[in-house]
Amino acid sequence: MDNESSRIESEANVSAYLAKLRYALENNAALDFQQERRVDEARDIQYTNRYTVAELFPDEDPQEVLREELRTLKTKDYLRTVKDLRFPKRSDMWEFGKVYRRSDESTEVYIKIRVELLDARLSGNHTVFVMSFHRAEKPFEREHFPYCLT
């Protein structure tokens, strides 16, 4: 992705965005999770949203799991912000990466979200759109995370 379609936000902006995310989740935001995506048809199944959520959180409701997992995102998990090229009038997408450790195995998960807060006076509902929550296709490297301290 070129520099015109992605950028690194300031640490203060990332913190503010995560506060906005938590606010939306705590105020009954609609969670729009893309379990099935057209792009997944040509992808190895282990890199799909459905597979990753089922593997990491078997027998749990994906909606509830994602609400809880998104609440745990931290500034250090931030990767970058990208323009939505398919829907340029929508707000930007924010990318995060998180490592899940289960027993002796770790799974790197790529997370791509958009938070939209709507004015309740206009009968709107806050929305958290989760485009991606799947295994990372390429290993994470320290330099991908602008605010990771370790």
Protein backbone atom coordinates (compact mmCIF):
# COMPACT_ATOMS: atom_id res chain seq x y z
CA MET A 1 0.00 0.00 0.00
CA ASP A 2 1.41 3.38 -0.91
CA ASN A 3 1.95 6.31 1.44
CA GLU A 4 -1.08 8.17 0.07
CA SER A 5 -3.45 5.45 1.27
CA SER A 6 -1.82 4.68 4.65
CA ARG A 7 -0.32 6.66 7.49
CA ILE A 8 0.90 6.36 11.05
CA GLU A 9 -1.24 8.27 13.54
CA SER A 10 0.26 10.04 16.54
CA GLU A 11 0.28 8.05 19.76
CA ALA A 12 -2.28 10.50 21.21
CA ASN A 13 -4.61 9.90 18.22
CA VAL A 14 -4.31 6.13 18.65
CA SER A 15 -5.19 6.44 22.34
CA ALA A 16 -8.16 8.65 21.46
CA TYR A 17 -9.34 6.16 18.82
CA LEU A 18 -9.14 3.28 21.29
CA ALA A 19 -11.15 5.35 23.80
CA LYS A 20 -13.75 5.93 21.06
CA LEU A 21 -13.80 2.18 20.37
CA ARG A 22 -14.36 1.34 24.04
CA TYR A 23 -17.05 4.03 24.30
CA ALA A 24 -18.89 2.56 21.30
CA LEU A 25 -18.66 -0.98 22.68
CA GLU A 26 -19.85 0.10 26.13
CA ASN A 27 -22.80 1.93 24.58
CA ASN A 28 -24.29 -0.99 22.66
CA ALA A 29 -22.60 -0.38 19.34
CA ALA A 30 -23.67 -2.69 16.57
CA LEU A 31 -20.81 -5.07 15.82
CA ASP A 32 -20.55 -5.82 12.12
CA PHE A 33 -18.14 -8.76 11.82
CA GLN A 34 -17.23 -9.98 8.36
CA GLN A 35 -17.10 -13.74 9.07
CA GLU A 36 -17.36 -14.59 5.38
CA ARG A 37 -15.52 -12.45 2.84
CA ARG A 38 -15.20 -12.90 -0.88
CA VAL A 39 -11.43 -12.55 -0.63
CA ASP A 40 -11.38 -15.65 1.60
CA GLU A 41 -12.46 -17.89 -1.27
CA ALA A 42 -8.91 -17.84 -2.65
CA ARG A 43 -7.16 -17.82 0.73
CA ASP A 44 -5.81 -20.68 2.83
CA ILE A 45 -8.60 -21.35 5.35
CA GLN A 46 -6.33 -20.80 8.36
CA TYR A 47 -6.06 -17.11 7.37
CA THR A 48 -9.81 -16.49 7.38
CA ASN A 49 -11.83 -14.66 10.02
CA ARG A 50 -14.16 -17.58 10.68
CA TYR A 51 -11.34 -20.10 11.15
CA THR A 52 -9.25 -17.86 13.42
CA VAL A 53 -12.11 -16.98 15.76
CA ALA A 54 -13.23 -20.63 15.94
CA GLU A 55 -9.66 -21.82 16.57
CA LEU A 56 -8.84 -19.28 19.28
CA PHE A 57 -12.25 -19.22 20.95
CA PRO A 58 -13.96 -22.57 20.38
CA ASP A 59 -17.54 -22.87 21.62
CA GLU A 60 -17.84 -19.12 22.22
CA ASP A 61 -20.14 -16.60 20.57
CA PRO A 62 -18.02 -14.70 17.98
CA GLN A 63 -19.88 -11.44 18.65
CA GLU A 64 -19.21 -11.56 22.40
CA VAL A 65 -15.61 -12.68 21.94
CA LEU A 66 -14.87 -9.84 19.53
CA ARG A 67 -16.47 -7.27 21.83
CA GLU A 68 -14.19 -8.41 24.63
CA GLU A 69 -11.07 -8.73 22.49
CA LEU A 70 -11.50 -5.29 20.90
CA ARG A 71 -11.78 -3.77 24.38
CA THR A 72 -8.30 -5.12 25.17
CA LEU A 73 -6.52 -3.40 22.27
CA LYS A 74 -3.73 -1.08 23.34
CA THR A 75 -1.69 1.63 21.67
CA LYS A 76 1.23 -0.81 21.42
CA ASP A 77 -0.93 -3.07 19.18
CA TYR A 78 -1.42 -0.33 16.56
CA LEU A 79 0.05 -0.89 13.09
CA ARG A 80 -1.29 1.88 10.82
CA THR A 81 -4.36 3.64 9.45
CA VAL A 82 -5.51 3.05 5.88
CA LYS A 83 -7.96 4.71 3.53
CA ASP A 84 -10.95 2.61 2.55
CA LEU A 85 -10.42 2.55 -1.20
CA ARG A 86 -13.64 0.64 -1.88
CA PHE A 87 -15.74 3.13 0.09
CA PRO A 88 -13.81 6.41 0.06
CA LYS A 89 -16.63 8.37 1.76
CA ARG A 90 -16.45 6.10 4.83
CA SER A 91 -14.01 6.72 7.65
CA ASP A 92 -10.54 5.19 7.57
CA MET A 93 -9.75 1.65 8.70
CA TRP A 94 -7.36 1.12 11.59
CA GLU A 95 -5.03 -1.88 11.71
CA PHE A 96 -3.76 -3.63 14.82
CA GLY A 97 -1.79 -6.78 15.52
CA LYS A 98 -2.05 -8.95 18.59
CA VAL A 99 -0.33 -12.14 19.68
CA TYR A 100 -2.43 -14.81 21.38
CA ARG A 101 -0.57 -17.36 23.45
CA ARG A 102 -2.31 -20.65 24.11
CA SER A 103 -0.35 -23.38 25.93
CA ASP A 104 2.90 -23.74 23.99
CA GLU A 105 1.67 -22.07 20.80
CA SER A 106 1.29 -18.44 19.78
CA THR A 107 -0.91 -17.03 17.05
CA GLU A 108 -0.37 -13.61 15.49
CA VAL A 109 -3.71 -12.00 14.64
CA TYR A 110 -4.23 -9.13 12.21
CA ILE A 111 -7.17 -6.89 13.16
CA LYS A 112 -8.70 -4.24 10.90
CA ILE A 113 -11.58 -2.12 12.19
CA ARG A 114 -13.62 1.03 11.69
CA VAL A 115 -15.51 2.77 14.50
CA GLU A 116 -18.40 5.07 13.64
CA LEU A 117 -20.11 7.09 16.35
CA LEU A 118 -23.50 8.39 15.32
CA ASP A 119 -25.61 11.04 16.95
CA ALA A 120 -28.39 9.33 18.94
CA ARG A 121 -30.63 12.35 18.30
CA LEU A 122 -30.63 11.33 14.64
CA SER A 123 -31.72 7.80 15.54
CA GLY A 124 -28.27 6.52 14.75
CA ASN A 125 -26.45 3.64 16.33
CA HIS A 126 -22.74 3.44 16.95
CA THR A 127 -21.09 0.79 14.80
CA VAL A 128 -17.86 -1.16 15.06
CA PHE A 129 -17.05 -2.74 11.71
CA VAL A 130 -14.58 -5.63 11.96
CA MET A 131 -13.24 -6.38 8.52
CA SER A 132 -10.38 -8.58 9.67
CA PHE A 133 -9.66 -10.72 12.68
CA HIS A 134 -7.50 -13.49 11.31
CA ARG A 135 -4.07 -15.04 11.51
CA ALA A 136 -1.43 -12.76 10.09
CA GLU A 137 -0.31 -13.97 6.68
CA LYS A 138 3.21 -12.66 7.29
CA PRO A 139 5.00 -12.74 10.64
CA PHE A 140 4.85 -9.53 12.66
CA GLU A 141 8.09 -7.64 13.05
CA ARG A 142 8.86 -5.12 15.77
CA GLU A 143 9.19 -2.26 13.26
CA HIS A 144 5.57 -2.76 12.14
CA PHE A 145 4.42 -1.43 15.54
CA PRO A 146 5.27 2.27 15.93
CA TYR A 147 4.39 2.40 19.66
CA CYS A 148 5.55 -0.99 20.89
CA LEU A 149 8.04 -0.56 23.73
CA THR A 150 9.38 -4.09 23.86
